[in-house]
Full PDB file with SEQRES, HELIX, SHEET, SSBOND, CRYST1, ORIGX, SCALE, CONECT and MASTER records, all heavy atoms in Angstrom:
SEQRES   1 A   42  GLY ASN HIS ARG GLY GLU CYS ILE LEU GLU ASN ILE LEU          
SEQRES   2 A   42  VAL LEU ALA ALA GLY GLN VAL PHE THR ARG ALA GLU GLU          
SEQRES   3 A   42  ARG SER LEU THR THR ARG THR VAL THR LEU ALA LEU THR          
SEQRES   4 A   42  PRO ASP GLN                                                  
SHEET    1 AA1 2 LEU A  13  ALA A  16  0                                        
SHEET    2 AA1 2 THR A  35  ALA A  37 -1                                        
CRYST1    1.000    1.000    1.000  90.00  90.00  90.00 P 1           1          
ORIGX1      1.000000  0.000000  0.000000        0.00000                         
ORIGX2      0.000000  1.000000  0.000000        0.00000                         
ORIGX3      0.000000  0.000000  1.000000        0.00000                         
SCALE1      1.000000  0.000000  0.000000        0.00000                         
SCALE2      0.000000  1.000000  0.000000        0.00000                         
SCALE3      0.000000  0.000000  1.000000        0.00000                         
ATOM      1  N   GLY A   1     113.284 103.119  94.987  1.00  0.00           N  
ATOM      2  CA  GLY A   1     112.896 101.890  95.666  1.00  0.00           C  
ATOM      3  C   GLY A   1     112.456 102.057  97.098  1.00  0.00           C  
ATOM      4  O   GLY A   1     112.471 101.105  97.878  1.00  0.00           O  
ATOM      5  N   ASN A   2     112.075 103.260  97.497  1.00  0.00           N  
ATOM      6  CA  ASN A   2     111.637 103.496  98.875  1.00  0.00           C  
ATOM      7  C   ASN A   2     110.210 102.999  99.041  1.00  0.00           C  
ATOM      8  O   ASN A   2     109.303 103.438  98.346  1.00  0.00           O  
ATOM      9  CB  ASN A   2     111.706 104.994  99.195  1.00  0.00           C  
ATOM     10  CG  ASN A   2     111.397 105.264 100.654  1.00  0.00           C  
ATOM     11  OD1 ASN A   2     111.274 104.338 101.445  1.00  0.00           O  
ATOM     12  ND2 ASN A   2     111.279 106.526 101.011  1.00  0.00           N  
ATOM     13  N   HIS A   3     110.002 102.082  99.973  1.00  0.00           N  
ATOM     14  CA  HIS A   3     108.678 101.506 100.189  1.00  0.00           C  
ATOM     15  C   HIS A   3     108.208 101.748 101.623  1.00  0.00           C  
ATOM     16  O   HIS A   3     107.586 100.896 102.236  1.00  0.00           O  
ATOM     17  CB  HIS A   3     108.697 100.005  99.895  1.00  0.00           C  
ATOM     18  CG  HIS A   3     109.105  99.672  98.499  1.00  0.00           C  
ATOM     19  ND1 HIS A   3     108.297  99.903  97.406  1.00  0.00           N  
ATOM     20  CD2 HIS A   3     110.258  99.151  98.012  1.00  0.00           C  
ATOM     21  CE1 HIS A   3     108.913  99.519  96.309  1.00  0.00           C  
ATOM     22  NE2 HIS A   3     110.104  99.065  96.637  1.00  0.00           N  
ATOM     23  N   ARG A   4     108.488 102.897 102.149  1.00  0.00           N  
ATOM     24  CA  ARG A   4     108.109 103.227 103.522  1.00  0.00           C  
ATOM     25  C   ARG A   4     107.425 104.582 103.564  1.00  0.00           C  
ATOM     26  O   ARG A   4     107.887 105.530 102.946  1.00  0.00           O  
ATOM     27  CB  ARG A   4     109.339 103.233 104.430  1.00  0.00           C  
ATOM     28  CG  ARG A   4     109.014 103.448 105.905  1.00  0.00           C  
ATOM     29  CD  ARG A   4     110.289 103.515 106.725  1.00  0.00           C  
ATOM     30  NE  ARG A   4     110.000 103.672 108.131  1.00  0.00           N  
ATOM     31  CZ  ARG A   4     109.856 102.673 108.981  1.00  0.00           C  
ATOM     32  NH1 ARG A   4     109.981 101.441 108.547  1.00  0.00           N  
ATOM     33  NH2 ARG A   4     109.579 102.881 110.252  1.00  0.00           N  
ATOM     34  N   GLY A   5     106.304 104.669 104.300  1.00  0.00           N  
ATOM     35  CA  GLY A   5     105.595 105.934 104.448  1.00  0.00           C  
ATOM     36  C   GLY A   5     106.207 106.776 105.555  1.00  0.00           C  
ATOM     37  O   GLY A   5     106.902 106.272 106.438  1.00  0.00           O  
ATOM     38  N   GLU A   6     105.898 108.069 105.517  1.00  0.00           N  
ATOM     39  CA  GLU A   6     106.429 109.002 106.515  1.00  0.00           C  
ATOM     40  C   GLU A   6     105.356 110.016 106.871  1.00  0.00           C  
ATOM     41  O   GLU A   6     104.752 110.640 105.997  1.00  0.00           O  
ATOM     42  CB  GLU A   6     107.662 109.716 105.978  1.00  0.00           C  
ATOM     43  CG  GLU A   6     108.230 110.735 106.948  1.00  0.00           C  
ATOM     44  CD  GLU A   6     109.331 111.573 106.326  1.00  0.00           C  
ATOM     45  OE1 GLU A   6     109.638 111.358 105.137  1.00  0.00           O  
ATOM     46  OE2 GLU A   6     109.862 112.452 107.029  1.00  0.00           O  
ATOM     47  N   CYS A   7     105.095 110.178 108.169  1.00  0.00           N  
ATOM     48  CA  CYS A   7     104.111 111.159 108.647  1.00  0.00           C  
ATOM     49  C   CYS A   7     104.788 112.527 108.680  1.00  0.00           C  
ATOM     50  O   CYS A   7     105.723 112.747 109.448  1.00  0.00           O  
ATOM     51  CB  CYS A   7     103.605 110.777 110.028  1.00  0.00           C  
ATOM     52  SG  CYS A   7     102.347 111.897 110.676  1.00  0.00           S  
ATOM     53  N   ILE A   8     104.318 113.451 107.837  1.00  0.00           N  
ATOM     54  CA  ILE A   8     104.958 114.762 107.740  1.00  0.00           C  
ATOM     55  C   ILE A   8     104.178 115.850 108.478  1.00  0.00           C  
ATOM     56  O   ILE A   8     104.767 116.861 108.855  1.00  0.00           O  
ATOM     57  CB  ILE A   8     105.153 115.158 106.265  1.00  0.00           C  
ATOM     58  CG1 ILE A   8     103.807 115.163 105.522  1.00  0.00           C  
ATOM     59  CG2 ILE A   8     106.132 114.220 105.587  1.00  0.00           C  
ATOM     60  CD1 ILE A   8     103.923 115.656 104.091  1.00  0.00           C  
ATOM     61  N   LEU A   9     102.873 115.677 108.697  1.00  0.00           N  
ATOM     62  CA  LEU A   9     102.071 116.649 109.435  1.00  0.00           C  
ATOM     63  C   LEU A   9     101.123 115.893 110.357  1.00  0.00           C  
ATOM     64  O   LEU A   9     100.545 114.879 109.968  1.00  0.00           O  
ATOM     65  CB  LEU A   9     101.276 117.555 108.489  1.00  0.00           C  
ATOM     66  CG  LEU A   9     102.076 118.470 107.548  1.00  0.00           C  
ATOM     67  CD1 LEU A   9     101.130 119.226 106.624  1.00  0.00           C  
ATOM     68  CD2 LEU A   9     102.944 119.439 108.323  1.00  0.00           C  
ATOM     69  N   GLU A  10     100.927 116.404 111.573  1.00  0.00           N  
ATOM     70  CA  GLU A  10     100.065 115.739 112.551  1.00  0.00           C  
ATOM     71  C   GLU A  10      99.017 116.697 113.103  1.00  0.00           C  
ATOM     72  O   GLU A  10      99.248 117.896 113.197  1.00  0.00           O  
ATOM     73  CB  GLU A  10     100.902 115.177 113.703  1.00  0.00           C  
ATOM     74  CG  GLU A  10     101.883 114.085 113.313  1.00  0.00           C  
ATOM     75  CD  GLU A  10     102.575 113.482 114.528  1.00  0.00           C  
ATOM     76  OE1 GLU A  10     101.870 112.972 115.413  1.00  0.00           O  
ATOM     77  OE2 GLU A  10     103.807 113.545 114.588  1.00  0.00           O  
ATOM     78  N   ASN A  11      97.878 116.119 113.476  1.00  0.00           N  
ATOM     79  CA  ASN A  11      96.801 116.845 114.161  1.00  0.00           C  
ATOM     80  C   ASN A  11      96.372 118.080 113.374  1.00  0.00           C  
ATOM     81  O   ASN A  11      96.329 119.200 113.892  1.00  0.00           O  
ATOM     82  CB  ASN A  11      97.246 117.242 115.570  1.00  0.00           C  
ATOM     83  CG  ASN A  11      96.088 117.654 116.449  1.00  0.00           C  
ATOM     84  OD1 ASN A  11      94.983 117.124 116.342  1.00  0.00           O  
ATOM     85  ND2 ASN A  11      96.308 118.621 117.315  1.00  0.00           N  
ATOM     86  N   ILE A  12      96.031 117.888 112.106  1.00  0.00           N  
ATOM     87  CA  ILE A  12      95.638 118.978 111.218  1.00  0.00           C  
ATOM     88  C   ILE A  12      94.113 119.074 111.167  1.00  0.00           C  
ATOM     89  O   ILE A  12      93.425 118.067 110.990  1.00  0.00           O  
ATOM     90  CB  ILE A  12      96.206 118.763 109.801  1.00  0.00           C  
ATOM     91  CG1 ILE A  12      97.738 118.640 109.867  1.00  0.00           C  
ATOM     92  CG2 ILE A  12      95.804 119.899 108.893  1.00  0.00           C  
ATOM     93  CD1 ILE A  12      98.426 119.840 110.443  1.00  0.00           C  
ATOM     94  N   LEU A  13      93.592 120.291 111.296  1.00  0.00           N  
ATOM     95  CA  LEU A  13      92.152 120.527 111.275  1.00  0.00           C  
ATOM     96  C   LEU A  13      91.623 120.468 109.842  1.00  0.00           C  
ATOM     97  O   LEU A  13      92.206 121.041 108.928  1.00  0.00           O  
ATOM     98  CB  LEU A  13      91.839 121.894 111.887  1.00  0.00           C  
ATOM     99  CG  LEU A  13      90.386 122.370 111.816  1.00  0.00           C  
ATOM    100  CD1 LEU A  13      89.475 121.469 112.636  1.00  0.00           C  
ATOM    101  CD2 LEU A  13      90.273 123.816 112.286  1.00  0.00           C  
ATOM    102  N   VAL A  14      90.498 119.770 109.666  1.00  0.00           N  
ATOM    103  CA  VAL A  14      89.824 119.684 108.364  1.00  0.00           C  
ATOM    104  C   VAL A  14      88.779 120.789 108.283  1.00  0.00           C  
ATOM    105  O   VAL A  14      87.881 120.872 109.118  1.00  0.00           O  
ATOM    106  CB  VAL A  14      89.171 118.304 108.178  1.00  0.00           C  
ATOM    107  CG1 VAL A  14      88.416 118.249 106.855  1.00  0.00           C  
ATOM    108  CG2 VAL A  14      90.212 117.207 108.233  1.00  0.00           C  
ATOM    109  N   LEU A  15      88.907 121.653 107.288  1.00  0.00           N  
ATOM    110  CA  LEU A  15      87.953 122.743 107.100  1.00  0.00           C  
ATOM    111  C   LEU A  15      86.773 122.334 106.226  1.00  0.00           C  
ATOM    112  O   LEU A  15      85.637 122.761 106.458  1.00  0.00           O  
ATOM    113  CB  LEU A  15      88.649 123.950 106.463  1.00  0.00           C  
ATOM    114  CG  LEU A  15      89.744 124.621 107.297  1.00  0.00           C  
ATOM    115  CD1 LEU A  15      90.392 125.743 106.501  1.00  0.00           C  
ATOM    116  CD2 LEU A  15      89.176 125.163 108.598  1.00  0.00           C  
ATOM    117  N   ALA A  16      87.034 121.546 105.211  1.00  0.00           N  
ATOM    118  CA  ALA A  16      85.972 121.136 104.290  1.00  0.00           C  
ATOM    119  C   ALA A  16      86.348 119.801 103.677  1.00  0.00           C  
ATOM    120  O   ALA A  16      87.517 119.427 103.610  1.00  0.00           O  
ATOM    121  CB  ALA A  16      85.760 122.184 103.195  1.00  0.00           C  
ATOM    122  N   ALA A  17      85.322 119.093 103.233  1.00  0.00           N  
ATOM    123  CA  ALA A  17      85.516 117.797 102.583  1.00  0.00           C  
ATOM    124  C   ALA A  17      84.883 117.845 101.210  1.00  0.00           C  
ATOM    125  O   ALA A  17      83.776 117.360 101.002  1.00  0.00           O  
ATOM    126  CB  ALA A  17      84.938 116.668 103.421  1.00  0.00           C  
ATOM    127  N   GLY A  18      85.553 118.524 100.283  1.00  0.00           N  
ATOM    128  CA  GLY A  18      85.234 118.653  98.865  1.00  0.00           C  
ATOM    129  C   GLY A  18      83.826 118.323  98.415  1.00  0.00           C  
ATOM    130  O   GLY A  18      82.837 118.752  98.978  1.00  0.00           O  
ATOM    131  N   GLN A  19      83.725 117.502  97.385  1.00  0.00           N  
ATOM    132  CA  GLN A  19      82.445 117.088  96.847  1.00  0.00           C  
ATOM    133  C   GLN A  19      81.915 115.926  97.670  1.00  0.00           C  
ATOM    134  O   GLN A  19      82.554 114.891  97.788  1.00  0.00           O  
ATOM    135  CB  GLN A  19      82.595 116.660  95.389  1.00  0.00           C  
ATOM    136  CG  GLN A  19      83.086 117.768  94.477  1.00  0.00           C  
ATOM    137  CD  GLN A  19      83.270 117.270  93.068  1.00  0.00           C  
ATOM    138  OE1 GLN A  19      82.981 116.133  92.761  1.00  0.00           O  
ATOM    139  NE2 GLN A  19      83.754 118.141  92.201  1.00  0.00           N  
ATOM    140  N   VAL A  20      80.737 116.110  98.221  1.00  0.00           N  
ATOM    141  CA  VAL A  20      80.127 115.077  99.049  1.00  0.00           C  
ATOM    142  C   VAL A  20      78.806 114.676  98.426  1.00  0.00           C  
ATOM    143  O   VAL A  20      77.918 115.499  98.231  1.00  0.00           O  
ATOM    144  CB  VAL A  20      79.895 115.572 100.499  1.00  0.00           C  
ATOM    145  CG1 VAL A  20      79.265 114.480 101.324  1.00  0.00           C  
ATOM    146  CG2 VAL A  20      81.205 116.028 101.115  1.00  0.00           C  
ATOM    147  N   PHE A  21      78.652 113.388  98.096  1.00  0.00           N  
ATOM    148  CA  PHE A  21      77.439 112.871  97.500  1.00  0.00           C  
ATOM    149  C   PHE A  21      76.773 111.951  98.518  1.00  0.00           C  
ATOM    150  O   PHE A  21      77.373 111.010  99.011  1.00  0.00           O  
ATOM    151  CB  PHE A  21      77.758 112.096  96.224  1.00  0.00           C  
ATOM    152  CG  PHE A  21      78.477 112.927  95.194  1.00  0.00           C  
ATOM    153  CD1 PHE A  21      79.856 112.933  95.150  1.00  0.00           C  
ATOM    154  CD2 PHE A  21      77.775 113.707  94.303  1.00  0.00           C  
ATOM    155  CE1 PHE A  21      80.529 113.699  94.206  1.00  0.00           C  
ATOM    156  CE2 PHE A  21      78.448 114.479  93.365  1.00  0.00           C  
ATOM    157  CZ  PHE A  21      79.819 114.465  93.317  1.00  0.00           C  
ATOM    158  N   THR A  22      75.519 112.239  98.812  1.00  0.00           N  
ATOM    159  CA  THR A  22      74.802 111.483  99.827  1.00  0.00           C  
ATOM    160  C   THR A  22      73.641 110.738  99.196  1.00  0.00           C  
ATOM    161  O   THR A  22      72.848 111.321  98.463  1.00  0.00           O  
ATOM    162  CB  THR A  22      74.254 112.413 100.928  1.00  0.00           C  
ATOM    163  OG1 THR A  22      75.341 113.176 101.452  1.00  0.00           O  
ATOM    164  CG2 THR A  22      73.611 111.622 102.046  1.00  0.00           C  
ATOM    165  N   ARG A  23      73.542 109.444  99.498  1.00  0.00           N  
ATOM    166  CA  ARG A  23      72.410 108.635  99.070  1.00  0.00           C  
ATOM    167  C   ARG A  23      71.545 108.351 100.283  1.00  0.00           C  
ATOM    168  O   ARG A  23      72.017 107.791 101.276  1.00  0.00           O  
ATOM    169  CB  ARG A  23      72.902 107.327  98.442  1.00  0.00           C  
ATOM    170  CG  ARG A  23      73.568 107.542  97.078  1.00  0.00           C  
ATOM    171  CD  ARG A  23      74.012 106.243  96.474  1.00  0.00           C  
ATOM    172  NE  ARG A  23      75.136 105.693  97.209  1.00  0.00           N  
ATOM    173  CZ  ARG A  23      75.728 104.530  96.894  1.00  0.00           C  
ATOM    174  NH1 ARG A  23      75.275 103.812  95.886  1.00  0.00           N  
ATOM    175  NH2 ARG A  23      76.741 104.100  97.609  1.00  0.00           N  
ATOM    176  N   ALA A  24      70.308 108.720 100.205  1.00  0.00           N  
ATOM    177  CA  ALA A  24      69.430 108.633 101.370  1.00  0.00           C  
ATOM    178  C   ALA A  24      69.289 107.207 101.870  1.00  0.00           C  
ATOM    179  O   ALA A  24      69.158 106.964 103.074  1.00  0.00           O  
ATOM    180  CB  ALA A  24      68.056 109.211 101.026  1.00  0.00           C  
ATOM    181  N   GLU A  25      69.316 106.226 100.956  1.00  0.00           N  
ATOM    182  CA  GLU A  25      69.094 104.856 101.384  1.00  0.00           C  
ATOM    183  C   GLU A  25      70.313 104.270 102.105  1.00  0.00           C  
ATOM    184  O   GLU A  25      70.180 103.375 102.931  1.00  0.00           O  
ATOM    185  CB  GLU A  25      68.728 103.966 100.193  1.00  0.00           C  
ATOM    186  CG  GLU A  25      69.846 103.798  99.154  1.00  0.00           C  
ATOM    187  CD  GLU A  25      69.865 104.931  98.143  1.00  0.00           C  
ATOM    188  OE1 GLU A  25      69.161 105.917  98.376  1.00  0.00           O  
ATOM    189  OE2 GLU A  25      70.580 104.803  97.127  1.00  0.00           O  
ATOM    190  N   GLU A  26      71.530 104.788 101.820  1.00  0.00           N  
ATOM    191  CA  GLU A  26      72.722 104.220 102.425  1.00  0.00           C  
ATOM    192  C   GLU A  26      73.498 105.239 103.257  1.00  0.00           C  
ATOM    193  O   GLU A  26      74.374 104.852 104.024  1.00  0.00           O  
ATOM    194  CB  GLU A  26      73.642 103.654 101.339  1.00  0.00           C  
ATOM    195  CG  GLU A  26      73.023 102.499 100.574  1.00  0.00           C  
ATOM    196  CD  GLU A  26      73.984 101.955  99.529  1.00  0.00           C  
ATOM    197  OE1 GLU A  26      75.119 102.471  99.458  1.00  0.00           O  
ATOM    198  OE2 GLU A  26      73.614 101.031  98.792  1.00  0.00           O  
ATOM    199  N   ARG A  27      73.237 106.511 103.074  1.00  0.00           N  
ATOM    200  CA  ARG A  27      73.938 107.584 103.773  1.00  0.00           C  
ATOM    201  C   ARG A  27      75.454 107.475 103.540  1.00  0.00           C  
ATOM    202  O   ARG A  27      76.276 107.676 104.421  1.00  0.00           O  
ATOM    203  CB  ARG A  27      73.659 107.548 105.272  1.00  0.00           C  
ATOM    204  CG  ARG A  27      72.193 107.576 105.651  1.00  0.00           C  
ATOM    205  CD  ARG A  27      71.549 108.886 105.292  1.00  0.00           C  
ATOM    206  NE  ARG A  27      72.144 109.990 106.019  1.00  0.00           N  
ATOM    207  CZ  ARG A  27      71.825 111.271 105.830  1.00  0.00           C  
ATOM    208  NH1 ARG A  27      70.928 111.593 104.900  1.00  0.00           N  
ATOM    209  NH2 ARG A  27      72.400 112.208 106.532  1.00  0.00           N  
ATOM    210  N   SER A  28      75.839 107.135 102.325  1.00  0.00           N  
ATOM    211  CA  SER A  28      77.253 106.981 102.021  1.00  0.00           C  
ATOM    212  C   SER A  28      77.823 108.297 101.524  1.00  0.00           C  
ATOM    213  O   SER A  28      77.113 109.129 100.962  1.00  0.00           O  
ATOM    214  CB  SER A  28      77.471 105.897 100.963  1.00  0.00           C  
ATOM    215  OG  SER A  28      76.840 106.269  99.758  1.00  0.00           O  
ATOM    216  N   LEU A  29      79.136 108.472 101.709  1.00  0.00           N  
ATOM    217  CA  LEU A  29      79.808 109.707 101.341  1.00  0.00           C  
ATOM    218  C   LEU A  29      80.973 109.397 100.412  1.00  0.00           C  
ATOM    219  O   LEU A  29      81.700 108.425 100.615  1.00  0.00           O  
ATOM    220  CB  LEU A  29      80.341 110.426 102.587  1.00  0.00           C  
ATOM    221  CG  LEU A  29      79.293 110.838 103.626  1.00  0.00           C  
ATOM    222  CD1 LEU A  29      79.993 111.396 104.842  1.00  0.00           C  
ATOM    223  CD2 LEU A  29      78.341 111.864 103.061  1.00  0.00           C  
ATOM    224  N   THR A  30      81.166 110.204  99.393  1.00  0.00           N  
ATOM    225  CA  THR A  30      82.299 110.087  98.501  1.00  0.00           C  
ATOM    226  C   THR A  30      83.000 111.435  98.452  1.00  0.00           C  
ATOM    227  O   THR A  30      82.431 112.404  97.975  1.00  0.00           O  
ATOM    228  CB  THR A  30      81.857 109.667  97.090  1.00  0.00           C  
ATOM    229  OG1 THR A  30      81.140 108.433  97.184  1.00  0.00           O  
ATOM    230  CG2 THR A  30      83.071 109.479  96.191  1.00  0.00           C  
ATOM    231  N   THR A  31      84.219 111.505  98.944  1.00  0.00           N  
ATOM    232  CA  THR A  31      84.953 112.756  99.048  1.00  0.00           C  
ATOM    233  C   THR A  31      86.067 112.796  98.013  1.00  0.00           C  
ATOM    234  O   THR A  31      86.856 111.858  97.902  1.00  0.00           O  
ATOM    235  CB  THR A  31      85.542 112.907 100.454  1.00  0.00           C  
ATOM    236  OG1 THR A  31      84.495 112.785 101.400  1.00  0.00           O  
ATOM    237  CG2 THR A  31      86.206 114.256 100.623  1.00  0.00           C  
ATOM    238  N   ARG A  32      86.142 113.892  97.236  1.00  0.00           N  
ATOM    239  CA  ARG A  32      87.157 114.034  96.204  1.00  0.00           C  
ATOM    240  C   ARG A  32      88.342 114.878  96.674  1.00  0.00           C  
ATOM    241  O   ARG A  32      89.463 114.611  96.320  1.00  0.00           O  
ATOM    242  CB  ARG A  32      86.529 114.672  94.950  1.00  0.00           C  
ATOM    243  CG  ARG A  32      85.369 113.874  94.360  1.00  0.00           C  
ATOM    244  CD  ARG A  32      85.822 112.504  93.930  1.00  0.00           C  
ATOM    245  NE  ARG A  32      84.749 111.752  93.302  1.00  0.00           N  
ATOM    246  CZ  ARG A  32      84.822 110.483  92.961  1.00  0.00           C  
ATOM    247  NH1 ARG A  32      85.933 109.806  93.208  1.00  0.00           N  
ATOM    248  NH2 ARG A  32      83.800 109.865  92.401  1.00  0.00           N  
ATOM    249  N   THR A  33      88.082 115.905  97.438  1.00  0.00           N  
ATOM    250  CA  THR A  33      89.143 116.760  97.962  1.00  0.00           C  
ATOM    251  C   THR A  33      88.895 117.019  99.440  1.00  0.00           C  
ATOM    252  O   THR A  33      87.758 116.987  99.907  1.00  0.00           O  
ATOM    253  CB  THR A  33      89.203 118.113  97.226  1.00  0.00           C  
ATOM    254  OG1 THR A  33      87.959 118.797  97.409  1.00  0.00           O  
ATOM    255  CG2 THR A  33      89.489 117.912  95.748  1.00  0.00           C  
ATOM    256  N   VAL A  34      89.974 117.285 100.136  1.00  0.00           N  
ATOM    257  CA  VAL A  34      89.891 117.624 101.558  1.00  0.00           C  
ATOM    258  C   VAL A  34      90.691 118.907 101.766  1.00  0.00           C  
ATOM    259  O   VAL A  34      91.844 119.004 101.334  1.00  0.00           O  
ATOM    260  CB  VAL A  34      90.452 116.496 102.446  1.00  0.00           C  
ATOM    261  CG1 VAL A  34      90.519 116.947 103.901  1.00  0.00           C  
ATOM    262  CG2 VAL A  34      89.595 115.252 102.321  1.00  0.00           C  
ATOM    263  N   THR A  35      90.058 119.900 102.401  1.00  0.00           N  
ATOM    264  CA  THR A  35      90.701 121.186 102.648  1.00  0.00           C  
ATOM    265  C   THR A  35      91.161 121.250 104.096  1.00  0.00           C  
ATOM    266  O   THR A  35      90.367 121.029 105.011  1.00  0.00           O  
ATOM    267  CB  THR A  35      89.740 122.345 102.355  1.00  0.00           C  
ATOM    268  OG1 THR A  35      89.267 122.225 101.010  1.00  0.00           O  
ATOM    269  CG2 THR A  35      90.439 123.677 102.510  1.00  0.00           C  
ATOM    270  N   LEU A  36      92.440 121.551 104.286  1.00  0.00           N  
ATOM    271  CA  LEU A  36      93.060 121.549 105.613  1.00  0.00           C  
ATOM    272  C   LEU A  36      93.423 122.962 106.044  1.00  0.00           C  
ATOM    273  O   LEU A  36      93.666 123.832 105.206  1.00  0.00           O  
ATOM    274  CB  LEU A  36      94.322 120.682 105.602  1.00  0.00           C  
ATOM    275  CG  LEU A  36      94.169 119.256 105.061  1.00  0.00           C  
ATOM    276  CD1 LEU A  36      95.528 118.575 105.019  1.00  0.00           C  
ATOM    277  CD2 LEU A  36      93.186 118.456 105.893  1.00  0.00           C  
ATOM    278  N   ALA A  37      93.467 123.189 107.342  1.00  0.00           N  
ATOM    279  CA  ALA A  37      93.918 124.465 107.918  1.00  0.00           C  
ATOM    280  C   ALA A  37      95.390 124.315 108.292  1.00  0.00           C  
ATOM    281  O   ALA A  37      95.729 123.544 109.195  1.00  0.00           O  
ATOM    282  CB  ALA A  37      93.088 124.830 109.139  1.00  0.00           C  
ATOM    283  N   LEU A  38      96.262 125.057 107.599  1.00  0.00           N  
ATOM    284  CA  LEU A  38      97.704 124.916 107.779  1.00  0.00           C  
ATOM    285  C   LEU A  38      98.352 126.268 108.059  1.00  0.00           C  
ATOM    286  O   LEU A  38      97.841 127.304 107.637  1.00  0.00           O  
ATOM    287  CB  LEU A  38      98.350 124.308 106.536  1.00  0.00           C  
ATOM    288  CG  LEU A  38      97.791 122.980 106.031  1.00  0.00           C  
ATOM    289  CD1 LEU A  38      98.451 122.609 104.718  1.00  0.00           C  
ATOM    290  CD2 LEU A  38      97.989 121.884 107.062  1.00  0.00           C  
ATOM    291  N   THR A  39      99.483 126.218 108.742  1.00  0.00           N  
ATOM    292  CA  THR A  39     100.312 127.412 108.875  1.00  0.00           C  
ATOM    293  C   THR A  39     101.081 127.613 107.565  1.00  0.00           C  
ATOM    294  O   THR A  39     101.213 126.686 106.765  1.00  0.00           O  
ATOM    295  CB  THR A  39     101.297 127.257 110.033  1.00  0.00           C  
ATOM    296  OG1 THR A  39     102.199 126.171 109.736  1.00  0.00           O  
ATOM    297  CG2 THR A  39     100.572 126.954 111.333  1.00  0.00           C  
ATOM    298  N   PRO A  40     101.609 128.816 107.320  1.00  0.00           N  
ATOM    299  CA  PRO A  40     102.384 129.020 106.080  1.00  0.00           C  
ATOM    300  C   PRO A  40     103.542 128.044 105.921  1.00  0.00           C  
ATOM    301  O   PRO A  40     103.807 127.567 104.814  1.00  0.00           O  
ATOM    302  CB  PRO A  40     102.865 130.466 106.225  1.00  0.00           C  
ATOM    303  CG  PRO A  40     101.817 131.133 107.060  1.00  0.00           C  
ATOM    304  CD  PRO A  40     101.384 130.087 108.040  1.00  0.00           C  
ATOM    305  N   ASP A  41     104.241 127.701 107.000  1.00  0.00           N  
ATOM    306  CA  ASP A  41     105.347 126.740 106.910  1.00  0.00           C  
ATOM    307  C   ASP A  41     104.828 125.353 106.542  1.00  0.00           C  
ATOM    308  O   ASP A  41     105.461 124.627 105.767  1.00  0.00           O  
ATOM    309  CB  ASP A  41     106.102 126.674 108.239  1.00  0.00           C  
ATOM    310  CG  ASP A  41     106.899 127.941 108.519  1.00  0.00           C  
ATOM    311  OD1 ASP A  41     107.169 128.688 107.549  1.00  0.00           O  
ATOM    312  OD2 ASP A  41     107.229 128.184 109.688  1.00  0.00           O  
ATOM    313  N   GLN A  42     103.678 124.969 107.095  1.00  0.00           N  
ATOM    314  CA  GLN A  42     103.105 123.664 106.754  1.00  0.00           C  
ATOM    315  C   GLN A  42     102.644 123.620 105.306  1.00  0.00           C  
ATOM    316  O   GLN A  42     102.722 122.566 104.662  1.00  0.00           O  
ATOM    317  CB  GLN A  42     101.941 123.361 107.701  1.00  0.00           C  
ATOM    318  CG  GLN A  42     102.372 123.070 109.126  1.00  0.00           C  
ATOM    319  CD  GLN A  42     101.193 122.912 110.057  1.00  0.00           C  
ATOM    320  OE1 GLN A  42     100.094 123.441 109.818  1.00  0.00           O  
ATOM    321  NE2 GLN A  42     101.389 122.193 111.144  1.00  0.00           N  
TER     322      GLN A  42                                                      
MASTER        0    0    0    0    2    0    0    6  321    1    0    4          
END                                                                             
């Protein structure tokens, strides 16, 4: 019954943003995965 979020990692660098689909007329982006740069402990 826990209904509260918790920030477990902060200020993490994004290395890549998975699959990106671009439509020229709208320039919209749809991202499926996000790759982060983490230390081994993180």
